[in-house]
Amino acid sequence: MRHSEFWQRMEAALGAAYASSWARQQAIGALGGRTPVEALEAGVDPQQVWRAVHATLDLPARER
């Protein structure tokens, strides 16, 4: 998954206005207590970050 696809999925799940804000503020245990933005900046694979976001938001399996 590319970063652009990650952000498309984030916007689809949370809305364009809220996705970026949420990704900068929400620390996720599965990402070592980092926010999604911090994890991406640290070089974590966007697919891994998306899986952590998906689980945190308890999104439907079809959006995985």
PDB file of N, CA and C in Angstrom:
ATOM      1  N   MET A   1       0.843  -1.168   0.000  1.00  0.00           N
ATOM      2  CA  MET A   1       0.000   0.000   0.000  1.00  0.00           C
ATOM      3  C   MET A   1       0.892   1.236   0.000  1.00  0.00           C
ATOM      4  N   ARG A   2       0.504   2.204  -0.781  1.00  0.00           N
ATOM      5  CA  ARG A   2       1.229   3.472  -0.825  1.00  0.00           C
ATOM      6  C   ARG A   2       0.628   4.441   0.188  1.00  0.00           C
ATOM      7  N   HIS A   3       1.383   5.465   0.497  1.00  0.00           N
ATOM      8  CA  HIS A   3       0.898   6.484   1.428  1.00  0.00           C
ATOM      9  C   HIS A   3      -0.395   7.116   0.921  1.00  0.00           C
ATOM     10  N   SER A   4      -0.480   7.323  -0.384  1.00  0.00           N
ATOM     11  CA  SER A   4      -1.682   7.950  -0.947  1.00  0.00           C
ATOM     12  C   SER A   4      -2.907   7.068  -0.719  1.00  0.00           C
ATOM     13  N   GLU A   5      -2.766   5.771  -0.858  1.00  0.00           N
ATOM     14  CA  GLU A   5      -3.896   4.871  -0.607  1.00  0.00           C
ATOM     15  C   GLU A   5      -4.269   4.874   0.869  1.00  0.00           C
ATOM     16  N   PHE A   6      -3.252   4.908   1.737  1.00  0.00           N
ATOM     17  CA  PHE A   6      -3.523   4.994   3.172  1.00  0.00           C
ATOM     18  C   PHE A   6      -4.400   6.211   3.466  1.00  0.00           C
ATOM     19  N   TRP A   7      -4.027   7.364   2.923  1.00  0.00           N
ATOM     20  CA  TRP A   7      -4.785   8.584   3.192  1.00  0.00           C
ATOM     21  C   TRP A   7      -6.162   8.548   2.555  1.00  0.00           C
ATOM     22  N   GLN A   8      -6.299   7.913   1.413  1.00  0.00           N
ATOM     23  CA  GLN A   8      -7.624   7.751   0.809  1.00  0.00           C
ATOM     24  C   GLN A   8      -8.527   6.932   1.718  1.00  0.00           C
ATOM     25  N   ARG A   9      -7.983   5.872   2.278  1.00  0.00           N
ATOM     26  CA  ARG A   9      -8.762   5.034   3.185  1.00  0.00           C
ATOM     27  C   ARG A   9      -9.106   5.787   4.471  1.00  0.00           C
ATOM     28  N   MET A  10      -8.152   6.561   4.964  1.00  0.00           N
ATOM     29  CA  MET A  10      -8.418   7.357   6.166  1.00  0.00           C
ATOM     30  C   MET A  10      -9.563   8.331   5.921  1.00  0.00           C
ATOM     31  N   GLU A  11      -9.530   9.010   4.788  1.00  0.00           N
ATOM     32  CA  GLU A  11     -10.579   9.974   4.460  1.00  0.00           C
ATOM     33  C   GLU A  11     -11.925   9.289   4.248  1.00  0.00           C
ATOM     34  N   ALA A  12     -11.914   8.106   3.675  1.00  0.00           N
ATOM     35  CA  ALA A  12     -13.162   7.365   3.485  1.00  0.00           C
ATOM     36  C   ALA A  12     -13.754   6.949   4.835  1.00  0.00           C
ATOM     37  N   ALA A  13     -12.894   6.601   5.777  1.00  0.00           N
ATOM     38  CA  ALA A  13     -13.354   6.139   7.086  1.00  0.00           C
ATOM     39  C   ALA A  13     -13.773   7.280   8.005  1.00  0.00           C
ATOM     40  N   LEU A  14     -13.030   8.392   7.949  1.00  0.00           N
ATOM     41  CA  LEU A  14     -13.253   9.465   8.924  1.00  0.00           C
ATOM     42  C   LEU A  14     -13.709  10.783   8.327  1.00  0.00           C
ATOM     43  N   GLY A  15     -13.676  10.891   7.019  1.00  0.00           N
ATOM     44  CA  GLY A  15     -14.002  12.152   6.378  1.00  0.00           C
ATOM     45  C   GLY A  15     -12.742  12.955   6.128  1.00  0.00           C
ATOM     46  N   ALA A  16     -12.761  13.724   5.079  1.00  0.00           N
ATOM     47  CA  ALA A  16     -11.572  14.474   4.669  1.00  0.00           C
ATOM     48  C   ALA A  16     -11.125  15.471   5.721  1.00  0.00           C
ATOM     49  N   ALA A  17     -12.059  16.101   6.397  1.00  0.00           N
ATOM     50  CA  ALA A  17     -11.707  17.132   7.371  1.00  0.00           C
ATOM     51  C   ALA A  17     -11.119  16.557   8.657  1.00  0.00           C
ATOM     52  N   TYR A  18     -11.539  15.360   9.042  1.00  0.00           N
ATOM     53  CA  TYR A  18     -11.146  14.807  10.335  1.00  0.00           C
ATOM     54  C   TYR A  18      -9.977  13.824  10.257  1.00  0.00           C
ATOM     55  N   ALA A  19      -9.768  13.197   9.134  1.00  0.00           N
ATOM     56  CA  ALA A  19      -8.770  12.129   9.017  1.00  0.00           C
ATOM     57  C   ALA A  19      -7.368  12.577   9.418  1.00  0.00           C
ATOM     58  N   SER A  20      -6.931  13.697   8.903  1.00  0.00           N
ATOM     59  CA  SER A  20      -5.580  14.178   9.201  1.00  0.00           C
ATOM     60  C   SER A  20      -5.421  14.524  10.680  1.00  0.00           C
ATOM     61  N   SER A  21      -6.405  15.185  11.221  1.00  0.00           N
ATOM     62  CA  SER A  21      -6.367  15.558  12.640  1.00  0.00           C
ATOM     63  C   SER A  21      -6.311  14.319  13.525  1.00  0.00           C
ATOM     64  N   TRP A  22      -7.161  13.354  13.252  1.00  0.00           N
ATOM     65  CA  TRP A  22      -7.199  12.122  14.041  1.00  0.00           C
ATOM     66  C   TRP A  22      -5.858  11.400  13.963  1.00  0.00           C
ATOM     67  N   ALA A  23      -5.290  11.332  12.757  1.00  0.00           N
ATOM     68  CA  ALA A  23      -4.030  10.614  12.553  1.00  0.00           C
ATOM     69  C   ALA A  23      -2.850  11.294  13.239  1.00  0.00           C
ATOM     70  N   ARG A  24      -2.983  12.561  13.552  1.00  0.00           N
ATOM     71  CA  ARG A  24      -1.914  13.285  14.249  1.00  0.00           C
ATOM     72  C   ARG A  24      -2.072  13.242  15.770  1.00  0.00           C
ATOM     73  N   GLN A  25      -3.262  12.874  16.244  1.00  0.00           N
ATOM     74  CA  GLN A  25      -3.537  12.939  17.674  1.00  0.00           C
ATOM     75  C   GLN A  25      -3.726  11.592  18.352  1.00  0.00           C
ATOM     76  N   GLN A  26      -4.146  10.574  17.617  1.00  0.00           N
ATOM     77  CA  GLN A  26      -4.514   9.291  18.213  1.00  0.00           C
ATOM     78  C   GLN A  26      -3.318   8.358  18.319  1.00  0.00           C
ATOM     79  N   ALA A  27      -2.814   8.170  19.538  1.00  0.00           N
ATOM     80  CA  ALA A  27      -1.736   7.208  19.764  1.00  0.00           C
ATOM     81  C   ALA A  27      -2.336   5.802  19.782  1.00  0.00           C
ATOM     82  N   ILE A  28      -1.666   4.878  19.118  1.00  0.00           N
ATOM     83  CA  ILE A  28      -2.173   3.507  18.985  1.00  0.00           C
ATOM     84  C   ILE A  28      -1.130   2.545  19.541  1.00  0.00           C
ATOM     85  N   GLY A  29      -1.569   1.700  20.465  1.00  0.00           N
ATOM     86  CA  GLY A  29      -0.663   0.741  21.097  1.00  0.00           C
ATOM     87  C   GLY A  29       0.036  -0.165  20.108  1.00  0.00           C
ATOM     88  N   ALA A  30      -0.688  -0.623  19.094  1.00  0.00           N
ATOM     89  CA  ALA A  30      -0.112  -1.525  18.090  1.00  0.00           C
ATOM     90  C   ALA A  30       0.984  -0.860  17.269  1.00  0.00           C
ATOM     91  N   LEU A  31       1.059   0.457  17.344  1.00  0.00           N
ATOM     92  CA  LEU A  31       2.117   1.207  16.649  1.00  0.00           C
ATOM     93  C   LEU A  31       3.177   1.682  17.634  1.00  0.00           C
ATOM     94  N   GLY A  32       3.266   1.009  18.763  1.00  0.00           N
ATOM     95  CA  GLY A  32       4.256   1.381  19.765  1.00  0.00           C
ATOM     96  C   GLY A  32       3.911   2.677  20.483  1.00  0.00           C
ATOM     97  N   GLY A  33       2.625   2.970  20.563  1.00  0.00           N
ATOM     98  CA  GLY A  33       2.191   4.193  21.230  1.00  0.00           C
ATOM     99  C   GLY A  33       2.339   5.436  20.369  1.00  0.00           C
ATOM    100  N   ARG A  34       2.665   5.237  19.104  1.00  0.00           N
ATOM    101  CA  ARG A  34       2.804   6.373  18.190  1.00  0.00           C
ATOM    102  C   ARG A  34       1.475   6.657  17.512  1.00  0.00           C
ATOM    103  N   THR A  35       1.367   7.854  16.985  1.00  0.00           N
ATOM    104  CA  THR A  35       0.214   8.183  16.157  1.00  0.00           C
ATOM    105  C   THR A  35       0.458   7.595  14.768  1.00  0.00           C
ATOM    106  N   PRO A  36      -0.582   7.470  13.953  1.00  0.00           N
ATOM    107  CA  PRO A  36      -0.356   6.994  12.589  1.00  0.00           C
ATOM    108  C   PRO A  36       0.642   7.868  11.825  1.00  0.00           C
ATOM    109  N   VAL A  37       0.574   9.165  12.000  1.00  0.00           N
ATOM    110  CA  VAL A  37       1.508  10.054  11.305  1.00  0.00           C
ATOM    111  C   VAL A  37       2.931   9.796  11.785  1.00  0.00           C
ATOM    112  N   GLU A  38       3.127   9.664  13.082  1.00  0.00           N
ATOM    113  CA  GLU A  38       4.469   9.385  13.609  1.00  0.00           C
ATOM    114  C   GLU A  38       4.993   8.052  13.085  1.00  0.00           C
ATOM    115  N   ALA A  39       4.123   7.050  13.022  1.00  0.00           N
ATOM    116  CA  ALA A  39       4.538   5.740  12.525  1.00  0.00           C
ATOM    117  C   ALA A  39       4.950   5.821  11.057  1.00  0.00           C
ATOM    118  N   LEU A  40       4.155   6.509  10.252  1.00  0.00           N
ATOM    119  CA  LEU A  40       4.504   6.664   8.835  1.00  0.00           C
ATOM    120  C   LEU A  40       5.825   7.410   8.680  1.00  0.00           C
ATOM    121  N   GLU A  41       6.010   8.462   9.453  1.00  0.00           N
ATOM    122  CA  GLU A  41       7.258   9.237   9.376  1.00  0.00           C
ATOM    123  C   GLU A  41       8.462   8.425   9.829  1.00  0.00           C
ATOM    124  N   ALA A  42       8.232   7.429  10.701  1.00  0.00           N
ATOM    125  CA  ALA A  42       9.314   6.568  11.179  1.00  0.00           C
ATOM    126  C   ALA A  42       9.609   5.431  10.206  1.00  0.00           C
ATOM    127  N   GLY A  43       8.840   5.363   9.114  1.00  0.00           N
ATOM    128  CA  GLY A  43       9.103   4.350   8.095  1.00  0.00           C
ATOM    129  C   GLY A  43       8.289   3.077   8.229  1.00  0.00           C
ATOM    130  N   VAL A  44       7.289   3.068   9.104  1.00  0.00           N
ATOM    131  CA  VAL A  44       6.433   1.889   9.218  1.00  0.00           C
ATOM    132  C   VAL A  44       5.614   1.768   7.929  1.00  0.00           C
ATOM    133  N   ASP A  45       5.475   0.550   7.455  1.00  0.00           N
ATOM    134  CA  ASP A  45       4.736   0.289   6.223  1.00  0.00           C
ATOM    135  C   ASP A  45       3.299   0.802   6.357  1.00  0.00           C
ATOM    136  N   PRO A  46       2.816   1.568   5.376  1.00  0.00           N
ATOM    137  CA  PRO A  46       1.444   2.094   5.452  1.00  0.00           C
ATOM    138  C   PRO A  46       0.384   1.005   5.644  1.00  0.00           C
ATOM    139  N   GLN A  47       0.609  -0.182   5.097  1.00  0.00           N
ATOM    140  CA  GLN A  47      -0.350  -1.278   5.286  1.00  0.00           C
ATOM    141  C   GLN A  47      -0.439  -1.657   6.761  1.00  0.00           C
ATOM    142  N   GLN A  48       0.695  -1.706   7.441  1.00  0.00           N
ATOM    143  CA  GLN A  48       0.715  -2.029   8.866  1.00  0.00           C
ATOM    144  C   GLN A  48       0.014  -0.930   9.668  1.00  0.00           C
ATOM    145  N   VAL A  49       0.245   0.311   9.294  1.00  0.00           N
ATOM    146  CA  VAL A  49      -0.404   1.433   9.977  1.00  0.00           C
ATOM    147  C   VAL A  49      -1.909   1.355   9.746  1.00  0.00           C
ATOM    148  N   TRP A  50      -2.319   1.072   8.516  1.00  0.00           N
ATOM    149  CA  TRP A  50      -3.745   0.968   8.222  1.00  0.00           C
ATOM    150  C   TRP A  50      -4.392  -0.144   9.037  1.00  0.00           C
ATOM    151  N   ARG A  51      -3.736  -1.278   9.158  1.00  0.00           N
ATOM    152  CA  ARG A  51      -4.294  -2.383   9.950  1.00  0.00           C
ATOM    153  C   ARG A  51      -4.505  -1.962  11.397  1.00  0.00           C
ATOM    154  N   ALA A  52      -3.564  -1.212  11.939  1.00  0.00           N
ATOM    155  CA  ALA A  52      -3.706  -0.727  13.319  1.00  0.00           C
ATOM    156  C   ALA A  52      -4.855   0.269  13.431  1.00  0.00           C
ATOM    157  N   VAL A  53      -4.964   1.162  12.462  1.00  0.00           N
ATOM    158  CA  VAL A  53      -6.071   2.125  12.443  1.00  0.00           C
ATOM    159  C   VAL A  53      -7.394   1.378  12.309  1.00  0.00           C
ATOM    160  N   HIS A  54      -7.440   0.427  11.386  1.00  0.00           N
ATOM    161  CA  HIS A  54      -8.644  -0.356  11.133  1.00  0.00           C
ATOM    162  C   HIS A  54      -9.120  -1.027  12.422  1.00  0.00           C
ATOM    163  N   ALA A  55      -8.204  -1.640  13.147  1.00  0.00           N
ATOM    164  CA  ALA A  55      -8.559  -2.321  14.393  1.00  0.00           C
ATOM    165  C   ALA A  55      -9.007  -1.323  15.459  1.00  0.00           C
ATOM    166  N   THR A  56      -8.317  -0.197  15.554  1.00  0.00           N
ATOM    167  CA  THR A  56      -8.651   0.814  16.551  1.00  0.00           C
ATOM    168  C   THR A  56     -10.045   1.378  16.310  1.00  0.00           C
ATOM    169  N   LEU A  57     -10.367   1.619  15.057  1.00  0.00           N
ATOM    170  CA  LEU A  57     -11.675   2.182  14.716  1.00  0.00           C
ATOM    171  C   LEU A  57     -12.764   1.115  14.627  1.00  0.00           C
ATOM    172  N   ASP A  58     -12.364  -0.159  14.724  1.00  0.00           N
ATOM    173  CA  ASP A  58     -13.306  -1.277  14.623  1.00  0.00           C
ATOM    174  C   ASP A  58     -14.144  -1.175  13.347  1.00  0.00           C
ATOM    175  N   LEU A  59     -13.437  -0.976  12.240  1.00  0.00           N
ATOM    176  CA  LEU A  59     -14.092  -0.843  10.940  1.00  0.00           C
ATOM    177  C   LEU A  59     -14.526  -2.218  10.419  1.00  0.00           C
ATOM    178  N   PRO A  60     -15.493  -2.263   9.531  1.00  0.00           N
ATOM    179  CA  PRO A  60     -15.935  -3.533   8.951  1.00  0.00           C
ATOM    180  C   PRO A  60     -14.791  -4.228   8.206  1.00  0.00           C
ATOM    181  N   ALA A  61     -14.837  -5.547   8.198  1.00  0.00           N
ATOM    182  CA  ALA A  61     -13.786  -6.343   7.541  1.00  0.00           C
ATOM    183  C   ALA A  61     -13.621  -5.980   6.079  1.00  0.00           C
ATOM    184  N   ARG A  62     -14.694  -5.592   5.408  1.00  0.00           N
ATOM    185  CA  ARG A  62     -14.603  -5.253   3.980  1.00  0.00           C
ATOM    186  C   ARG A  62     -13.716  -4.040   3.713  1.00  0.00           C
ATOM    187  N   GLU A  63     -13.442  -3.237   4.757  1.00  0.00           N
ATOM    188  CA  GLU A  63     -12.597  -2.050   4.593  1.00  0.00           C
ATOM    189  C   GLU A  63     -11.148  -2.316   4.929  1.00  0.00           C
ATOM    190  N   ARG A  64     -10.828  -3.552   5.217  1.00  0.00           N
ATOM    191  CA  ARG A  64      -9.461  -3.916   5.563  1.00  0.00           C
ATOM    192  C   ARG A  64      -8.610  -3.833   4.338  1.00  0.00           C
TER     193      ARG A  64
END
